Every structure is written in C-alpha cells, then in structure tokens.
Amino acid sequence: MLQIYRLVIGVIAGLGMLVFGALAVADSDVKCGSEVMSRDDTCVTTRKGVTRERSYDDQLASNRRVGVISIVGGPIAAGFCGFLLLRTLRKRRASQEPAGAAPYQA
C-alpha cells in the first residue's frame, strides 16, 4: 500500500513540475531567487561554498532552462510513475481474484 502512495505522489509531483515549468517559461520577469532583476543587476548565488555571478541575460537563460527542463521532465516522471502505478494495481487485482474464477465480462 505504501508503494501505491509513493507512486501517486510521483504522478502529482510530475504534474506539478509541468505547471511550474510552464509558469517559469511564461514569466516575463527575470528573477534572482525571489527578487526581480533589472538590466544592470547582477545575480549572486552561493551553493556548496561556491559563489556564482550571473548577468541579467545569463539569469534569463538560466530561468528559461529550468522551465524547459521542468516541462520535459515533469510529464516523463508523471508518465513513468503512472505506468508503475497501473502495473502495481493490475498485479494487486490479479492476485486478489480467486483461483479458477472466470474473469468478469460485461
């Protein structure tokens, strides 16, 4: 049962990535973190002790790249988790049928 919940969360997360990516690509503001940048600003970020400076154009490209990766990766993650979820549910349903019982036909 825990595996089913994880797969459902994976589907929801993949769809969330798709929405996030679409919003990021459609956003006309260039942001450094949560701050909107102007043309003469420089975005300074530090990650794992490494400081990186980006110009306005570099940050715009970075924001778009993250959006595109989310648009592509989100549906892939959702589709993969959805496939595994359906496979798990079918296996569970097949194992719950009584032995020798004829399948239900409408």
PDB file of N, CA and C in Angstrom:
ATOM      1  N   MET A   1       0.816  -1.191   0.000  1.00  0.00           N
ATOM      2  CA  MET A   1       0.000   0.000   0.000  1.00  0.00           C
ATOM      3  C   MET A   1       0.864   1.260   0.000  1.00  0.00           C
ATOM      4  N   LEU A   2       1.991   1.207   0.700  1.00  0.00           N
ATOM      5  CA  LEU A   2       2.888   2.354   0.756  1.00  0.00           C
ATOM      6  C   LEU A   2       3.437   2.669  -0.629  1.00  0.00           C
ATOM      7  N   GLN A   3       3.695   1.628  -1.427  1.00  0.00           N
ATOM      8  CA  GLN A   3       4.211   1.839  -2.779  1.00  0.00           C
ATOM      9  C   GLN A   3       3.194   2.593  -3.630  1.00  0.00           C
ATOM     10  N   ILE A   4       1.917   2.310  -3.471  1.00  0.00           N
ATOM     11  CA  ILE A   4       0.881   2.996  -4.237  1.00  0.00           C
ATOM     12  C   ILE A   4       0.876   4.478  -3.892  1.00  0.00           C
ATOM     13  N   TYR A   5       0.973   4.806  -2.614  1.00  0.00           N
ATOM     14  CA  TYR A   5       1.001   6.208  -2.213  1.00  0.00           C
ATOM     15  C   TYR A   5       2.209   6.927  -2.809  1.00  0.00           C
ATOM     16  N   ARG A   6       3.339   6.275  -2.797  1.00  0.00           N
ATOM     17  CA  ARG A   6       4.542   6.887  -3.359  1.00  0.00           C
ATOM     18  C   ARG A   6       4.382   7.152  -4.848  1.00  0.00           C
ATOM     19  N   LEU A   7       3.781   6.215  -5.554  1.00  0.00           N
ATOM     20  CA  LEU A   7       3.583   6.397  -6.989  1.00  0.00           C
ATOM     21  C   LEU A   7       2.574   7.506  -7.276  1.00  0.00           C
ATOM     22  N   VAL A   8       1.535   7.606  -6.482  1.00  0.00           N
ATOM     23  CA  VAL A   8       0.569   8.693  -6.644  1.00  0.00           C
ATOM     24  C   VAL A   8       1.258  10.038  -6.399  1.00  0.00           C
ATOM     25  N   ILE A   9       2.095  10.097  -5.378  1.00  0.00           N
ATOM     26  CA  ILE A   9       2.847  11.328  -5.104  1.00  0.00           C
ATOM     27  C   ILE A   9       3.781  11.643  -6.277  1.00  0.00           C
ATOM     28  N   GLY A  10       4.368  10.619  -6.889  1.00  0.00           N
ATOM     29  CA  GLY A  10       5.224  10.820  -8.059  1.00  0.00           C
ATOM     30  C   GLY A  10       4.461  11.397  -9.239  1.00  0.00           C
ATOM     31  N   VAL A  11       3.237  10.904  -9.465  1.00  0.00           N
ATOM     32  CA  VAL A  11       2.402  11.440 -10.548  1.00  0.00           C
ATOM     33  C   VAL A  11       2.071  12.902 -10.274  1.00  0.00           C
ATOM     34  N   ILE A  12       1.668  13.197  -9.044  1.00  0.00           N
ATOM     35  CA  ILE A  12       1.314  14.578  -8.680  1.00  0.00           C
ATOM     36  C   ILE A  12       2.533  15.489  -8.789  1.00  0.00           C
ATOM     37  N   ALA A  13       3.700  15.020  -8.343  1.00  0.00           N
ATOM     38  CA  ALA A  13       4.919  15.823  -8.424  1.00  0.00           C
ATOM     39  C   ALA A  13       5.299  16.089  -9.882  1.00  0.00           C
ATOM     40  N   GLY A  14       5.153  15.101 -10.737  1.00  0.00           N
ATOM     41  CA  GLY A  14       5.460  15.285 -12.161  1.00  0.00           C
ATOM     42  C   GLY A  14       4.551  16.313 -12.803  1.00  0.00           C
ATOM     43  N   LEU A  15       3.269  16.255 -12.460  1.00  0.00           N
ATOM     44  CA  LEU A  15       2.335  17.253 -12.991  1.00  0.00           C
ATOM     45  C   LEU A  15       2.644  18.635 -12.424  1.00  0.00           C
ATOM     46  N   GLY A  16       3.062  18.681 -11.160  1.00  0.00           N
ATOM     47  CA  GLY A  16       3.458  19.951 -10.557  1.00  0.00           C
ATOM     48  C   GLY A  16       4.671  20.543 -11.253  1.00  0.00           C
ATOM     49  N   MET A  17       5.628  19.685 -11.628  1.00  0.00           N
ATOM     50  CA  MET A  17       6.801  20.155 -12.362  1.00  0.00           C
ATOM     51  C   MET A  17       6.388  20.745 -13.711  1.00  0.00           C
ATOM     52  N   LEU A  18       5.421  20.118 -14.364  1.00  0.00           N
ATOM     53  CA  LEU A  18       4.939  20.620 -15.647  1.00  0.00           C
ATOM     54  C   LEU A  18       4.350  22.018 -15.493  1.00  0.00           C
ATOM     55  N   VAL A  19       3.518  22.206 -14.472  1.00  0.00           N
ATOM     56  CA  VAL A  19       2.901  23.508 -14.231  1.00  0.00           C
ATOM     57  C   VAL A  19       3.967  24.537 -13.875  1.00  0.00           C
ATOM     58  N   PHE A  20       4.890  24.168 -12.985  1.00  0.00           N
ATOM     59  CA  PHE A  20       5.969  25.074 -12.594  1.00  0.00           C
ATOM     60  C   PHE A  20       6.790  25.496 -13.812  1.00  0.00           C
ATOM     61  N   GLY A  21       7.123  24.541 -14.665  1.00  0.00           N
ATOM     62  CA  GLY A  21       7.918  24.856 -15.850  1.00  0.00           C
ATOM     63  C   GLY A  21       7.184  25.778 -16.805  1.00  0.00           C
ATOM     64  N   ALA A  22       5.893  25.529 -16.987  1.00  0.00           N
ATOM     65  CA  ALA A  22       5.112  26.392 -17.875  1.00  0.00           C
ATOM     66  C   ALA A  22       5.052  27.815 -17.332  1.00  0.00           C
ATOM     67  N   LEU A  23       4.885  27.950 -16.023  1.00  0.00           N
ATOM     68  CA  LEU A  23       4.850  29.279 -15.413  1.00  0.00           C
ATOM     69  C   LEU A  23       6.213  29.964 -15.504  1.00  0.00           C
ATOM     70  N   ALA A  24       7.280  29.205 -15.335  1.00  0.00           N
ATOM     71  CA  ALA A  24       8.629  29.773 -15.402  1.00  0.00           C
ATOM     72  C   ALA A  24       8.955  30.263 -16.811  1.00  0.00           C
ATOM     73  N   VAL A  25       8.551  29.513 -17.819  1.00  0.00           N
ATOM     74  CA  VAL A  25       8.831  29.904 -19.201  1.00  0.00           C
ATOM     75  C   VAL A  25       7.970  31.108 -19.597  1.00  0.00           C
ATOM     76  N   ALA A  26       6.737  31.143 -19.111  1.00  0.00           N
ATOM     77  CA  ALA A  26       5.826  32.224 -19.474  1.00  0.00           C
ATOM     78  C   ALA A  26       6.104  33.518 -18.705  1.00  0.00           C
ATOM     79  N   ASP A  27       6.845  33.448 -17.613  1.00  0.00           N
ATOM     80  CA  ASP A  27       7.110  34.622 -16.785  1.00  0.00           C
ATOM     81  C   ASP A  27       8.035  35.586 -17.529  1.00  0.00           C
ATOM     82  N   SER A  28       7.608  36.820 -17.647  1.00  0.00           N
ATOM     83  CA  SER A  28       8.422  37.810 -18.364  1.00  0.00           C
ATOM     84  C   SER A  28       9.458  38.467 -17.459  1.00  0.00           C
ATOM     85  N   ASP A  29       9.329  38.323 -16.149  1.00  0.00           N
ATOM     86  CA  ASP A  29      10.293  38.904 -15.220  1.00  0.00           C
ATOM     87  C   ASP A  29      11.497  37.977 -15.059  1.00  0.00           C
ATOM     88  N   VAL A  30      12.669  38.559 -15.002  1.00  0.00           N
ATOM     89  CA  VAL A  30      13.886  37.803 -14.718  1.00  0.00           C
ATOM     90  C   VAL A  30      14.119  37.898 -13.219  1.00  0.00           C
ATOM     91  N   LYS A  31      14.194  36.742 -12.569  1.00  0.00           N
ATOM     92  CA  LYS A  31      14.303  36.728 -11.114  1.00  0.00           C
ATOM     93  C   LYS A  31      15.607  36.090 -10.664  1.00  0.00           C
ATOM     94  N   CYS A  32      16.159  36.681  -9.626  1.00  0.00           N
ATOM     95  CA  CYS A  32      17.304  36.118  -8.919  1.00  0.00           C
ATOM     96  C   CYS A  32      16.764  35.721  -7.553  1.00  0.00           C
ATOM     97  N   GLY A  33      16.507  34.435  -7.374  1.00  0.00           N
ATOM     98  CA  GLY A  33      15.785  33.996  -6.177  1.00  0.00           C
ATOM     99  C   GLY A  33      14.350  34.468  -6.300  1.00  0.00           C
ATOM    100  N   SER A  34      13.915  35.296  -5.369  1.00  0.00           N
ATOM    101  CA  SER A  34      12.562  35.845  -5.439  1.00  0.00           C
ATOM    102  C   SER A  34      12.562  37.315  -5.842  1.00  0.00           C
ATOM    103  N   GLU A  35      13.756  37.872  -6.093  1.00  0.00           N
ATOM    104  CA  GLU A  35      13.887  39.287  -6.447  1.00  0.00           C
ATOM    105  C   GLU A  35      13.871  39.470  -7.969  1.00  0.00           C
ATOM    106  N   VAL A  36      13.099  40.445  -8.434  1.00  0.00           N
ATOM    107  CA  VAL A  36      13.059  40.762  -9.858  1.00  0.00           C
ATOM    108  C   VAL A  36      14.291  41.600 -10.206  1.00  0.00           C
ATOM    109  N   MET A  37      14.965  41.204 -11.290  1.00  0.00           N
ATOM    110  CA  MET A  37      16.186  41.888 -11.706  1.00  0.00           C
ATOM    111  C   MET A  37      15.876  42.948 -12.758  1.00  0.00           C
ATOM    112  N   SER A  38      16.737  43.968 -12.819  1.00  0.00           N
ATOM    113  CA  SER A  38      16.704  44.924 -13.921  1.00  0.00           C
ATOM    114  C   SER A  38      17.952  44.691 -14.765  1.00  0.00           C
ATOM    115  N   ARG A  39      18.031  45.347 -15.917  1.00  0.00           N
ATOM    116  CA  ARG A  39      19.124  45.100 -16.868  1.00  0.00           C
ATOM    117  C   ARG A  39      20.517  45.273 -16.271  1.00  0.00           C
ATOM    118  N   ASP A  40      20.691  46.187 -15.354  1.00  0.00           N
ATOM    119  CA  ASP A  40      22.031  46.452 -14.828  1.00  0.00           C
ATOM    120  C   ASP A  40      22.351  45.676 -13.550  1.00  0.00           C
ATOM    121  N   ASP A  41      21.467  44.766 -13.128  1.00  0.00           N
ATOM    122  CA  ASP A  41      21.697  43.973 -11.916  1.00  0.00           C
ATOM    123  C   ASP A  41      22.575  42.755 -12.213  1.00  0.00           C
ATOM    124  N   THR A  42      23.205  42.268 -11.164  1.00  0.00           N
ATOM    125  CA  THR A  42      23.958  41.020 -11.214  1.00  0.00           C
ATOM    126  C   THR A  42      23.395  40.094 -10.147  1.00  0.00           C
ATOM    127  N   CYS A  43      23.141  38.862 -10.530  1.00  0.00           N
ATOM    128  CA  CYS A  43      22.620  37.873  -9.592  1.00  0.00           C
ATOM    129  C   CYS A  43      23.804  37.126  -8.973  1.00  0.00           C
ATOM    130  N   VAL A  44      23.896  37.161  -7.656  1.00  0.00           N
ATOM    131  CA  VAL A  44      24.977  36.488  -6.951  1.00  0.00           C
ATOM    132  C   VAL A  44      24.358  35.377  -6.101  1.00  0.00           C
ATOM    133  N   THR A  45      24.760  34.136  -6.364  1.00  0.00           N
ATOM    134  CA  THR A  45      24.266  32.991  -5.598  1.00  0.00           C
ATOM    135  C   THR A  45      25.452  32.204  -5.065  1.00  0.00           C
ATOM    136  N   THR A  46      25.258  31.586  -3.915  1.00  0.00           N
ATOM    137  CA  THR A  46      26.278  30.728  -3.322  1.00  0.00           C
ATOM    138  C   THR A  46      25.656  29.368  -3.056  1.00  0.00           C
ATOM    139  N   ARG A  47      26.302  28.334  -3.575  1.00  0.00           N
ATOM    140  CA  ARG A  47      25.826  26.968  -3.385  1.00  0.00           C
ATOM    141  C   ARG A  47      27.018  26.077  -3.095  1.00  0.00           C
ATOM    142  N   LYS A  48      26.937  25.379  -1.976  1.00  0.00           N
ATOM    143  CA  LYS A  48      28.019  24.484  -1.551  1.00  0.00           C
ATOM    144  C   LYS A  48      29.358  25.216  -1.480  1.00  0.00           C
ATOM    145  N   GLY A  49      29.325  26.456  -1.011  1.00  0.00           N
ATOM    146  CA  GLY A  49      30.535  27.234  -0.845  1.00  0.00           C
ATOM    147  C   GLY A  49      31.077  27.880  -2.100  1.00  0.00           C
ATOM    148  N   VAL A  50      30.417  27.687  -3.230  1.00  0.00           N
ATOM    149  CA  VAL A  50      30.868  28.261  -4.493  1.00  0.00           C
ATOM    150  C   VAL A  50      29.940  29.423  -4.846  1.00  0.00           C
ATOM    151  N   THR A  51      30.514  30.597  -5.046  1.00  0.00           N
ATOM    152  CA  THR A  51      29.742  31.787  -5.396  1.00  0.00           C
ATOM    153  C   THR A  51      29.744  31.961  -6.908  1.00  0.00           C
ATOM    154  N   ARG A  52      28.556  32.229  -7.438  1.00  0.00           N
ATOM    155  CA  ARG A  52      28.403  32.404  -8.876  1.00  0.00           C
ATOM    156  C   ARG A  52      27.711  33.729  -9.138  1.00  0.00           C
ATOM    157  N   GLU A  53      28.229  34.480 -10.097  1.00  0.00           N
ATOM    158  CA  GLU A  53      27.620  35.740 -10.503  1.00  0.00           C
ATOM    159  C   GLU A  53      27.069  35.579 -11.916  1.00  0.00           C
ATOM    160  N   ARG A  54      25.834  36.053 -12.116  1.00  0.00           N
ATOM    161  CA  ARG A  54      25.209  35.986 -13.436  1.00  0.00           C
ATOM    162  C   ARG A  54      24.691  37.364 -13.815  1.00  0.00           C
ATOM    163  N   SER A  55      24.875  37.702 -15.081  1.00  0.00           N
ATOM    164  CA  SER A  55      24.309  38.947 -15.596  1.00  0.00           C
ATOM    165  C   SER A  55      22.808  38.742 -15.822  1.00  0.00           C
ATOM    166  N   TYR A  56      22.146  39.799 -16.192  1.00  0.00           N
ATOM    167  CA  TYR A  56      20.706  39.748 -16.476  1.00  0.00           C
ATOM    168  C   TYR A  56      20.418  38.710 -17.560  1.00  0.00           C
ATOM    169  N   ASP A  57      21.169  38.749 -18.658  1.00  0.00           N
ATOM    170  CA  ASP A  57      20.940  37.816 -19.767  1.00  0.00           C
ATOM    171  C   ASP A  57      21.264  36.377 -19.377  1.00  0.00           C
ATOM    172  N   ASP A  58      22.320  36.182 -18.590  1.00  0.00           N
ATOM    173  CA  ASP A  58      22.656  34.837 -18.120  1.00  0.00           C
ATOM    174  C   ASP A  58      21.553  34.284 -17.217  1.00  0.00           C
ATOM    175  N   GLN A  59      21.016  35.125 -16.352  1.00  0.00           N
ATOM    176  CA  GLN A  59      19.952  34.690 -15.441  1.00  0.00           C
ATOM    177  C   GLN A  59      18.671  34.396 -16.207  1.00  0.00           C
ATOM    178  N   LEU A  60      18.378  35.199 -17.231  1.00  0.00           N
ATOM    179  CA  LEU A  60      17.211  34.942 -18.078  1.00  0.00           C
ATOM    180  C   LEU A  60      17.331  33.570 -18.726  1.00  0.00           C
ATOM    181  N   ALA A  61      18.504  33.267 -19.273  1.00  0.00           N
ATOM    182  CA  ALA A  61      18.726  31.960 -19.898  1.00  0.00           C
ATOM    183  C   ALA A  61      18.615  30.837 -18.869  1.00  0.00           C
ATOM    184  N   SER A  62      19.126  31.064 -17.672  1.00  0.00           N
ATOM    185  CA  SER A  62      19.044  30.051 -16.619  1.00  0.00           C
ATOM    186  C   SER A  62      17.595  29.799 -16.215  1.00  0.00           C
ATOM    187  N   ASN A  63      16.820  30.866 -16.056  1.00  0.00           N
ATOM    188  CA  ASN A  63      15.411  30.717 -15.692  1.00  0.00           C
ATOM    189  C   ASN A  63      14.641  29.951 -16.762  1.00  0.00           C
ATOM    190  N   ARG A  64      14.904  30.262 -18.025  1.00  0.00           N
ATOM    191  CA  ARG A  64      14.231  29.566 -19.131  1.00  0.00           C
ATOM    192  C   ARG A  64      14.647  28.088 -19.172  1.00  0.00           C
ATOM    193  N   ARG A  65      15.929  27.832 -18.956  1.00  0.00           N
ATOM    194  CA  ARG A  65      16.427  26.456 -18.988  1.00  0.00           C
ATOM    195  C   ARG A  65      15.754  25.601 -17.911  1.00  0.00           C
ATOM    196  N   VAL A  66      15.628  26.152 -16.708  1.00  0.00           N
ATOM    197  CA  VAL A  66      14.958  25.422 -15.623  1.00  0.00           C
ATOM    198  C   VAL A  66      13.499  25.151 -15.993  1.00  0.00           C
ATOM    199  N   GLY A  67      12.852  26.128 -16.603  1.00  0.00           N
ATOM    200  CA  GLY A  67      11.466  25.939 -17.026  1.00  0.00           C
ATOM    201  C   GLY A  67      11.314  24.849 -18.064  1.00  0.00           C
ATOM    202  N   VAL A  68      12.191  24.849 -19.056  1.00  0.00           N
ATOM    203  CA  VAL A  68      12.116  23.840 -20.120  1.00  0.00           C
ATOM    204  C   VAL A  68      12.408  22.446 -19.568  1.00  0.00           C
ATOM    205  N   ILE A  69      13.400  22.344 -18.692  1.00  0.00           N
ATOM    206  CA  ILE A  69      13.714  21.048 -18.085  1.00  0.00           C
ATOM    207  C   ILE A  69      12.515  20.535 -17.292  1.00  0.00           C
ATOM    208  N   SER A  70      11.823  21.422 -16.585  1.00  0.00           N
ATOM    209  CA  SER A  70      10.642  21.012 -15.821  1.00  0.00           C
ATOM    210  C   SER A  70       9.496  20.612 -16.739  1.00  0.00           C
ATOM    211  N   ILE A  71       9.332  21.332 -17.846  1.00  0.00           N
ATOM    212  CA  ILE A  71       8.272  20.992 -18.798  1.00  0.00           C
ATOM    213  C   ILE A  71       8.508  19.617 -19.405  1.00  0.00           C
ATOM    214  N   VAL A  72       9.760  19.288 -19.677  1.00  0.00           N
ATOM    215  CA  VAL A  72      10.080  17.987 -20.274  1.00  0.00           C
ATOM    216  C   VAL A  72      10.111  16.888 -19.204  1.00  0.00           C
ATOM    217  N   GLY A  73      10.767  17.165 -18.093  1.00  0.00           N
ATOM    218  CA  GLY A  73      10.940  16.139 -17.058  1.00  0.00           C
ATOM    219  C   GLY A  73       9.671  15.813 -16.286  1.00  0.00           C
ATOM    220  N   GLY A  74       8.810  16.798 -16.092  1.00  0.00           N
ATOM    221  CA  GLY A  74       7.575  16.576 -15.330  1.00  0.00           C
ATOM    222  C   GLY A  74       6.682  15.498 -15.931  1.00  0.00           C
ATOM    223  N   PRO A  75       6.317  15.623 -17.209  1.00  0.00           N
ATOM    224  CA  PRO A  75       5.489  14.576 -17.816  1.00  0.00           C
ATOM    225  C   PRO A  75       6.179  13.213 -17.886  1.00  0.00           C
ATOM    226  N   ILE A  76       7.502  13.218 -18.046  1.00  0.00           N
ATOM    227  CA  ILE A  76       8.218  11.936 -18.056  1.00  0.00           C
ATOM    228  C   ILE A  76       8.085  11.266 -16.691  1.00  0.00           C
ATOM    229  N   ALA A  77       8.302  12.030 -15.615  1.00  0.00           N
ATOM    230  CA  ALA A  77       8.171  11.479 -14.263  1.00  0.00           C
ATOM    231  C   ALA A  77       6.741  11.046 -13.992  1.00  0.00           C
ATOM    232  N   ALA A  78       5.764  11.887 -14.380  1.00  0.00           N
ATOM    233  CA  ALA A  78       4.357  11.546 -14.153  1.00  0.00           C
ATOM    234  C   ALA A  78       3.964  10.305 -14.944  1.00  0.00           C
ATOM    235  N   GLY A  79       4.410  10.222 -16.193  1.00  0.00           N
ATOM    236  CA  GLY A  79       4.084   9.062 -17.024  1.00  0.00           C
ATOM    237  C   GLY A  79       4.705   7.783 -16.493  1.00  0.00           C
ATOM    238  N   PHE A  80       5.956   7.857 -16.081  1.00  0.00           N
ATOM    239  CA  PHE A  80       6.636   6.682 -15.543  1.00  0.00           C
ATOM    240  C   PHE A  80       5.971   6.210 -14.251  1.00  0.00           C
ATOM    241  N   CYS A  81       5.697   7.149 -13.342  1.00  0.00           N
ATOM    242  CA  CYS A  81       5.036   6.777 -12.083  1.00  0.00           C
ATOM    243  C   CYS A  81       3.608   6.270 -12.347  1.00  0.00           C
ATOM    244  N   GLY A  82       2.936   6.887 -13.314  1.00  0.00           N
ATOM    245  CA  GLY A  82       1.594   6.419 -13.677  1.00  0.00           C
ATOM    246  C   GLY A  82       1.623   5.009 -14.228  1.00  0.00           C
ATOM    247  N   PHE A  83       2.606   4.713 -15.076  1.00  0.00           N
ATOM    248  CA  PHE A  83       2.766   3.362 -15.615  1.00  0.00           C
ATOM    249  C   PHE A  83       3.001   2.352 -14.495  1.00  0.00           C
ATOM    250  N   LEU A  84       3.922   2.681 -13.580  1.00  0.00           N
ATOM    251  CA  LEU A  84       4.201   1.774 -12.466  1.00  0.00           C
ATOM    252  C   LEU A  84       2.979   1.620 -11.558  1.00  0.00           C
ATOM    253  N   LEU A  85       2.224   2.702 -11.374  1.00  0.00           N
ATOM    254  CA  LEU A  85       1.014   2.638 -10.556  1.00  0.00           C
ATOM    255  C   LEU A  85      -0.012   1.701 -11.181  1.00  0.00           C
ATOM    256  N   LEU A  86      -0.255   1.841 -12.475  1.00  0.00           N
ATOM    257  CA  LEU A  86      -1.213   0.955 -13.145  1.00  0.00           C
ATOM    258  C   LEU A  86      -0.754  -0.500 -13.094  1.00  0.00           C
ATOM    259  N   ARG A  87       0.524  -0.726 -13.300  1.00  0.00           N
ATOM    260  CA  ARG A  87       1.060  -2.096 -13.248  1.00  0.00           C
ATOM    261  C   ARG A  87       0.886  -2.691 -11.848  1.00  0.00           C
ATOM    262  N   THR A  88       1.156  -1.880 -10.816  1.00  0.00           N
ATOM    263  CA  THR A  88       1.009  -2.349  -9.438  1.00  0.00           C
ATOM    264  C   THR A  88      -0.447  -2.664  -9.124  1.00  0.00           C
ATOM    265  N   LEU A  89      -1.352  -1.802  -9.567  1.00  0.00           N
ATOM    266  CA  LEU A  89      -2.778  -2.029  -9.299  1.00  0.00           C
ATOM    267  C   LEU A  89      -3.287  -3.266 -10.036  1.00  0.00           C
ATOM    268  N   ARG A  90      -2.821  -3.482 -11.258  1.00  0.00           N
ATOM    269  CA  ARG A  90      -3.236  -4.675 -12.008  1.00  0.00           C
ATOM    270  C   ARG A  90      -2.719  -5.952 -11.350  1.00  0.00           C
ATOM    271  N   LYS A  91      -1.478  -5.919 -10.888  1.00  0.00           N
ATOM    272  CA  LYS A  91      -0.924  -7.091 -10.199  1.00  0.00           C
ATOM    273  C   LYS A  91      -1.704  -7.385  -8.917  1.00  0.00           C
ATOM    274  N   ARG A  92      -2.013  -6.329  -8.187  1.00  0.00           N
ATOM    275  CA  ARG A  92      -2.757  -6.497  -6.937  1.00  0.00           C
ATOM    276  C   ARG A  92      -4.147  -7.071  -7.214  1.00  0.00           C
ATOM    277  N   ARG A  93      -4.809  -6.558  -8.232  1.00  0.00           N
ATOM    278  CA  ARG A  93      -6.143  -7.036  -8.578  1.00  0.00           C
ATOM    279  C   ARG A  93      -6.091  -8.491  -9.032  1.00  0.00           C
ATOM    280  N   ALA A  94      -5.070  -8.844  -9.821  1.00  0.00           N
ATOM    281  CA  ALA A  94      -4.945 -10.219 -10.304  1.00  0.00           C
ATOM    282  C   ALA A  94      -4.669 -11.185  -9.156  1.00  0.00           C
ATOM    283  N   SER A  95      -3.910 -10.751  -8.162  1.00  0.00           N
ATOM    284  CA  SER A  95      -3.594 -11.636  -7.045  1.00  0.00           C
ATOM    285  C   SER A  95      -4.781 -11.792  -6.091  1.00  0.00           C
ATOM    286  N   GLN A  96      -5.766 -10.914  -6.169  1.00  0.00           N
ATOM    287  CA  GLN A  96      -6.933 -10.999  -5.287  1.00  0.00           C
ATOM    288  C   GLN A  96      -8.068 -11.821  -5.884  1.00  0.00           C
ATOM    289  N   GLU A  97      -7.987 -12.158  -7.184  1.00  0.00           N
ATOM    290  CA  GLU A  97      -9.026 -12.987  -7.790  1.00  0.00           C
ATOM    291  C   GLU A  97      -8.906 -14.412  -7.263  1.00  0.00           C
ATOM    292  N   PRO A  98     -10.032 -15.054  -6.966  1.00  0.00           N
ATOM    293  CA  PRO A  98      -9.973 -16.440  -6.516  1.00  0.00           C
ATOM    294  C   PRO A  98      -9.430 -17.348  -7.628  1.00  0.00           C
ATOM    295  N   ALA A  99      -8.705 -18.372  -7.236  1.00  0.00           N
ATOM    296  CA  ALA A  99      -8.129 -19.301  -8.206  1.00  0.00           C
ATOM    297  C   ALA A  99      -9.236 -20.014  -8.954  1.00  0.00           C
ATOM    298  N   GLY A 100      -9.113 -20.102 -10.258  1.00  0.00           N
ATOM    299  CA  GLY A 100     -10.080 -20.815 -11.074  1.00  0.00           C
ATOM    300  C   GLY A 100     -11.318 -20.007 -11.401  1.00  0.00           C
ATOM    301  N   ALA A 101     -11.437 -18.807 -10.909  1.00  0.00           N
ATOM    302  CA  ALA A 101     -12.612 -17.972 -11.203  1.00  0.00           C
ATOM    303  C   ALA A 101     -12.509 -17.413 -12.601  1.00  0.00           C
ATOM    304  N   ALA A 102     -13.617 -17.404 -13.276  1.00  0.00           N
ATOM    305  CA  ALA A 102     -13.658 -16.832 -14.612  1.00  0.00           C
ATOM    306  C   ALA A 102     -13.618 -15.308 -14.509  1.00  0.00           C
ATOM    307  N   PRO A 103     -12.905 -14.651 -15.397  1.00  0.00           N
ATOM    308  CA  PRO A 103     -12.878 -13.197 -15.353  1.00  0.00           C
ATOM    309  C   PRO A 103     -14.254 -12.619 -15.637  1.00  0.00           C
ATOM    310  N   TYR A 104     -14.550 -11.514 -15.029  1.00  0.00           N
ATOM    311  CA  TYR A 104     -15.847 -10.853 -15.176  1.00  0.00           C
ATOM    312  C   TYR A 104     -15.941 -10.226 -16.552  1.00  0.00           C
ATOM    313  N   GLN A 105     -17.044 -10.484 -17.240  1.00  0.00           N
ATOM    314  CA  GLN A 105     -17.286  -9.878 -18.551  1.00  0.00           C
ATOM    315  C   GLN A 105     -18.656  -9.238 -18.556  1.00  0.00           C
ATOM    316  N   ALA A 106     -18.701  -8.003 -18.994  1.00  0.00           N
ATOM    317  CA  ALA A 106     -19.978  -7.281 -19.029  1.00  0.00           C
ATOM    318  C   ALA A 106     -20.693  -7.505 -20.323  1.00  0.00           C
TER     319      ALA A 106
END
